[in-house]
N, C-alpha and C. Protein backbone atom coordinates (compact mmCIF):
# COMPACT_ATOMS: atom_id res chain seq x y z
N UNK A 1 -8.09 -79.74 -115.61
CA UNK A 1 -7.43 -78.60 -115.02
C UNK A 1 -7.42 -77.47 -116.04
N UNK A 2 -7.64 -76.26 -115.57
CA UNK A 2 -7.69 -75.10 -116.46
C UNK A 2 -6.76 -74.01 -115.95
N UNK A 3 -5.99 -73.42 -116.88
CA UNK A 3 -5.17 -72.26 -116.55
C UNK A 3 -5.46 -71.15 -117.55
N UNK A 4 -5.27 -69.93 -117.11
CA UNK A 4 -5.44 -68.77 -117.98
C UNK A 4 -4.06 -68.35 -118.46
N UNK A 5 -3.93 -68.12 -119.77
CA UNK A 5 -2.66 -67.72 -120.34
C UNK A 5 -2.83 -66.34 -120.97
N UNK A 6 -1.96 -65.41 -120.59
CA UNK A 6 -1.95 -64.06 -121.13
C UNK A 6 -0.71 -63.88 -122.00
N UNK A 7 -0.90 -63.32 -123.18
CA UNK A 7 0.20 -63.08 -124.12
C UNK A 7 0.34 -61.57 -124.31
N UNK A 8 1.58 -61.10 -124.40
CA UNK A 8 1.84 -59.67 -124.52
C UNK A 8 2.71 -59.37 -125.74
N UNK A 9 2.55 -58.15 -126.27
CA UNK A 9 3.38 -57.66 -127.36
C UNK A 9 3.35 -58.56 -128.58
N UNK A 10 4.54 -58.76 -129.15
CA UNK A 10 4.63 -59.54 -130.38
C UNK A 10 4.20 -60.99 -130.18
N UNK A 11 4.30 -61.49 -128.97
CA UNK A 11 3.87 -62.86 -128.71
C UNK A 11 2.35 -62.98 -128.91
N UNK A 12 1.60 -61.97 -128.46
CA UNK A 12 0.15 -61.96 -128.68
C UNK A 12 -0.15 -61.91 -130.18
N UNK A 13 0.64 -61.14 -130.92
CA UNK A 13 0.45 -61.05 -132.37
C UNK A 13 0.70 -62.42 -133.01
N UNK A 14 1.78 -63.07 -132.63
CA UNK A 14 2.09 -64.39 -133.19
C UNK A 14 1.02 -65.41 -132.85
N UNK A 15 0.52 -65.35 -131.62
CA UNK A 15 -0.49 -66.30 -131.17
C UNK A 15 -1.86 -65.98 -131.78
N UNK A 16 -2.12 -64.71 -132.06
CA UNK A 16 -3.40 -64.31 -132.62
C UNK A 16 -4.44 -63.99 -131.57
N UNK A 17 -4.01 -63.89 -130.30
CA UNK A 17 -4.92 -63.52 -129.22
C UNK A 17 -4.10 -63.03 -128.03
N UNK A 18 -4.74 -62.28 -127.15
CA UNK A 18 -4.06 -61.76 -125.97
C UNK A 18 -4.24 -62.66 -124.75
N UNK A 19 -5.26 -63.50 -124.77
CA UNK A 19 -5.46 -64.43 -123.65
C UNK A 19 -6.30 -65.60 -124.10
N UNK A 20 -6.15 -66.69 -123.36
CA UNK A 20 -6.95 -67.88 -123.61
C UNK A 20 -6.96 -68.76 -122.36
N UNK A 21 -7.93 -69.62 -122.31
CA UNK A 21 -7.99 -70.63 -121.26
C UNK A 21 -7.49 -71.93 -121.85
N UNK A 22 -6.58 -72.57 -121.14
CA UNK A 22 -6.01 -73.84 -121.61
C UNK A 22 -6.49 -74.95 -120.68
N UNK A 23 -6.96 -76.01 -121.29
CA UNK A 23 -7.37 -77.20 -120.55
C UNK A 23 -6.19 -78.17 -120.55
N UNK A 24 -5.76 -78.58 -119.36
CA UNK A 24 -4.66 -79.53 -119.24
C UNK A 24 -5.17 -80.78 -118.53
N UNK A 25 -4.61 -81.93 -118.90
CA UNK A 25 -5.05 -83.19 -118.31
C UNK A 25 -4.55 -83.37 -116.88
N UNK A 26 -3.40 -82.78 -116.58
CA UNK A 26 -2.83 -82.92 -115.23
C UNK A 26 -1.91 -81.74 -114.97
N UNK A 27 -1.45 -81.64 -113.75
CA UNK A 27 -0.54 -80.55 -113.44
C UNK A 27 0.79 -80.78 -114.17
N UNK A 28 1.40 -79.70 -114.61
CA UNK A 28 2.68 -79.75 -115.30
C UNK A 28 3.53 -78.60 -114.80
N UNK A 29 4.80 -78.62 -115.14
CA UNK A 29 5.67 -77.51 -114.76
C UNK A 29 5.62 -76.44 -115.85
N UNK A 30 6.10 -75.26 -115.49
CA UNK A 30 6.16 -74.19 -116.49
C UNK A 30 7.07 -74.58 -117.64
N UNK A 31 8.15 -75.31 -117.37
CA UNK A 31 9.03 -75.75 -118.46
C UNK A 31 8.28 -76.64 -119.45
N UNK A 32 7.50 -77.57 -118.93
CA UNK A 32 6.71 -78.44 -119.81
C UNK A 32 5.67 -77.65 -120.58
N UNK A 33 5.05 -76.68 -119.91
CA UNK A 33 4.04 -75.86 -120.57
C UNK A 33 4.65 -75.03 -121.68
N UNK A 34 5.81 -74.42 -121.40
CA UNK A 34 6.49 -73.62 -122.42
C UNK A 34 6.88 -74.49 -123.60
N UNK A 35 7.28 -75.73 -123.34
CA UNK A 35 7.59 -76.64 -124.44
C UNK A 35 6.41 -76.83 -125.37
N UNK A 36 5.21 -76.91 -124.80
CA UNK A 36 4.01 -77.04 -125.65
C UNK A 36 3.70 -75.73 -126.37
N UNK A 37 3.99 -74.60 -125.72
CA UNK A 37 3.76 -73.30 -126.38
C UNK A 37 4.68 -73.10 -127.58
N UNK A 38 5.91 -73.58 -127.47
CA UNK A 38 6.87 -73.44 -128.58
C UNK A 38 6.36 -74.18 -129.82
N UNK A 39 5.64 -75.28 -129.61
CA UNK A 39 5.05 -75.99 -130.75
C UNK A 39 3.97 -75.15 -131.42
N UNK A 40 3.23 -74.35 -130.62
CA UNK A 40 2.18 -73.48 -131.15
C UNK A 40 2.74 -72.17 -131.69
N UNK A 41 3.79 -71.67 -131.04
CA UNK A 41 4.38 -70.38 -131.41
C UNK A 41 5.88 -70.58 -131.60
N UNK A 42 6.31 -71.11 -132.75
CA UNK A 42 7.72 -71.43 -132.95
C UNK A 42 8.66 -70.21 -132.87
N UNK A 43 8.12 -69.01 -133.06
CA UNK A 43 8.93 -67.80 -132.97
C UNK A 43 9.53 -67.59 -131.57
N UNK A 44 8.96 -68.25 -130.56
CA UNK A 44 9.48 -68.11 -129.19
C UNK A 44 10.94 -68.55 -129.11
N UNK A 45 11.36 -69.44 -129.99
CA UNK A 45 12.75 -69.90 -129.96
C UNK A 45 13.72 -68.80 -130.39
N UNK A 46 13.21 -67.73 -130.98
CA UNK A 46 14.05 -66.66 -131.51
C UNK A 46 14.20 -65.47 -130.57
N UNK A 47 13.50 -65.47 -129.44
CA UNK A 47 13.54 -64.32 -128.53
C UNK A 47 13.77 -64.79 -127.10
N UNK A 48 14.18 -63.86 -126.26
CA UNK A 48 14.30 -64.10 -124.82
C UNK A 48 13.03 -63.59 -124.16
N UNK A 49 12.12 -64.47 -123.88
CA UNK A 49 10.84 -64.10 -123.29
C UNK A 49 10.88 -64.37 -121.78
N UNK A 50 9.92 -63.82 -121.07
CA UNK A 50 9.82 -64.02 -119.63
C UNK A 50 8.46 -64.63 -119.31
N UNK A 51 8.42 -65.38 -118.21
CA UNK A 51 7.19 -66.04 -117.77
C UNK A 51 6.86 -65.56 -116.36
N UNK A 52 5.59 -65.27 -116.14
CA UNK A 52 5.10 -64.97 -114.79
C UNK A 52 3.99 -65.95 -114.47
N UNK A 53 3.93 -66.37 -113.21
CA UNK A 53 2.86 -67.24 -112.73
C UNK A 53 2.16 -66.49 -111.61
N UNK A 54 0.87 -66.31 -111.80
CA UNK A 54 0.06 -65.57 -110.81
C UNK A 54 0.69 -64.22 -110.50
N UNK A 55 1.12 -63.54 -111.55
CA UNK A 55 1.66 -62.17 -111.51
C UNK A 55 3.01 -62.08 -110.80
N UNK A 56 3.73 -63.19 -110.69
CA UNK A 56 5.07 -63.20 -110.12
C UNK A 56 6.05 -63.74 -111.15
N UNK A 57 7.06 -62.93 -111.51
CA UNK A 57 8.06 -63.38 -112.47
C UNK A 57 8.79 -64.58 -111.87
N UNK A 58 9.09 -65.55 -112.73
CA UNK A 58 9.78 -66.75 -112.25
C UNK A 58 11.10 -66.91 -112.98
N UNK A 59 12.04 -67.57 -112.32
CA UNK A 59 13.32 -67.88 -112.97
C UNK A 59 13.69 -69.36 -112.79
N UNK A 60 12.75 -70.12 -112.27
CA UNK A 60 12.91 -71.57 -112.12
C UNK A 60 11.55 -72.21 -112.38
N UNK A 61 11.54 -73.48 -112.75
CA UNK A 61 10.26 -74.14 -113.02
C UNK A 61 9.31 -74.10 -111.82
N UNK A 62 8.03 -73.93 -112.13
CA UNK A 62 6.97 -73.89 -111.13
C UNK A 62 5.90 -74.88 -111.57
N UNK A 63 5.33 -75.62 -110.63
CA UNK A 63 4.23 -76.51 -110.95
C UNK A 63 2.97 -75.68 -111.16
N UNK A 64 2.30 -75.90 -112.27
CA UNK A 64 1.05 -75.20 -112.57
C UNK A 64 -0.11 -76.01 -112.04
N UNK A 65 -0.99 -75.33 -111.33
CA UNK A 65 -2.16 -75.98 -110.75
C UNK A 65 -3.43 -75.34 -111.29
N UNK A 66 -4.54 -75.99 -111.08
CA UNK A 66 -5.83 -75.51 -111.57
C UNK A 66 -6.08 -74.07 -111.12
N UNK A 67 -6.48 -73.24 -112.06
CA UNK A 67 -6.81 -71.86 -111.76
C UNK A 67 -5.65 -70.89 -111.83
N UNK A 68 -4.44 -71.38 -112.06
CA UNK A 68 -3.28 -70.50 -112.14
C UNK A 68 -3.35 -69.63 -113.40
N UNK A 69 -2.64 -68.52 -113.35
CA UNK A 69 -2.52 -67.61 -114.49
C UNK A 69 -1.06 -67.56 -114.91
N UNK A 70 -0.82 -67.76 -116.20
CA UNK A 70 0.53 -67.71 -116.75
C UNK A 70 0.59 -66.57 -117.75
N UNK A 71 1.59 -65.71 -117.61
CA UNK A 71 1.79 -64.59 -118.54
C UNK A 71 3.09 -64.82 -119.31
N UNK A 72 3.05 -64.53 -120.60
CA UNK A 72 4.22 -64.69 -121.45
C UNK A 72 4.58 -63.34 -122.03
N UNK A 73 5.76 -62.83 -121.65
CA UNK A 73 6.19 -61.49 -122.01
C UNK A 73 7.33 -61.51 -123.03
N UNK A 74 7.29 -60.62 -124.02
CA UNK A 74 8.42 -60.47 -124.92
C UNK A 74 9.58 -59.79 -124.19
N UNK A 75 10.74 -59.66 -124.83
CA UNK A 75 11.86 -58.97 -124.19
C UNK A 75 11.46 -57.57 -123.74
N UNK A 76 12.00 -57.17 -122.60
CA UNK A 76 11.72 -55.85 -122.05
C UNK A 76 12.76 -54.86 -122.54
N UNK A 77 12.34 -53.63 -122.76
CA UNK A 77 13.27 -52.53 -123.06
C UNK A 77 13.49 -51.78 -121.76
N UNK A 78 14.71 -51.46 -121.48
CA UNK A 78 15.01 -50.74 -120.23
C UNK A 78 15.24 -49.26 -120.50
N UNK A 79 15.24 -48.52 -119.43
CA UNK A 79 15.47 -47.10 -119.63
C UNK A 79 15.97 -46.43 -118.39
């Protein structure tokens, strides 16, 4: 299974890239996926980031399926 991951702002800087394709052995939830990202990008524990799946912001776990796109956003500034 393959998903596309997009990183924005300081998260892209920490990761060292703006996007990548991730190969997963099976479908997982966004919570499980974020847990694996924290191992790669430990700075995520220090900020309030947001997750979007297929360009839709989420506030509850979503099952990731083959071909999905996950975006990881740093904190937003409002105005």
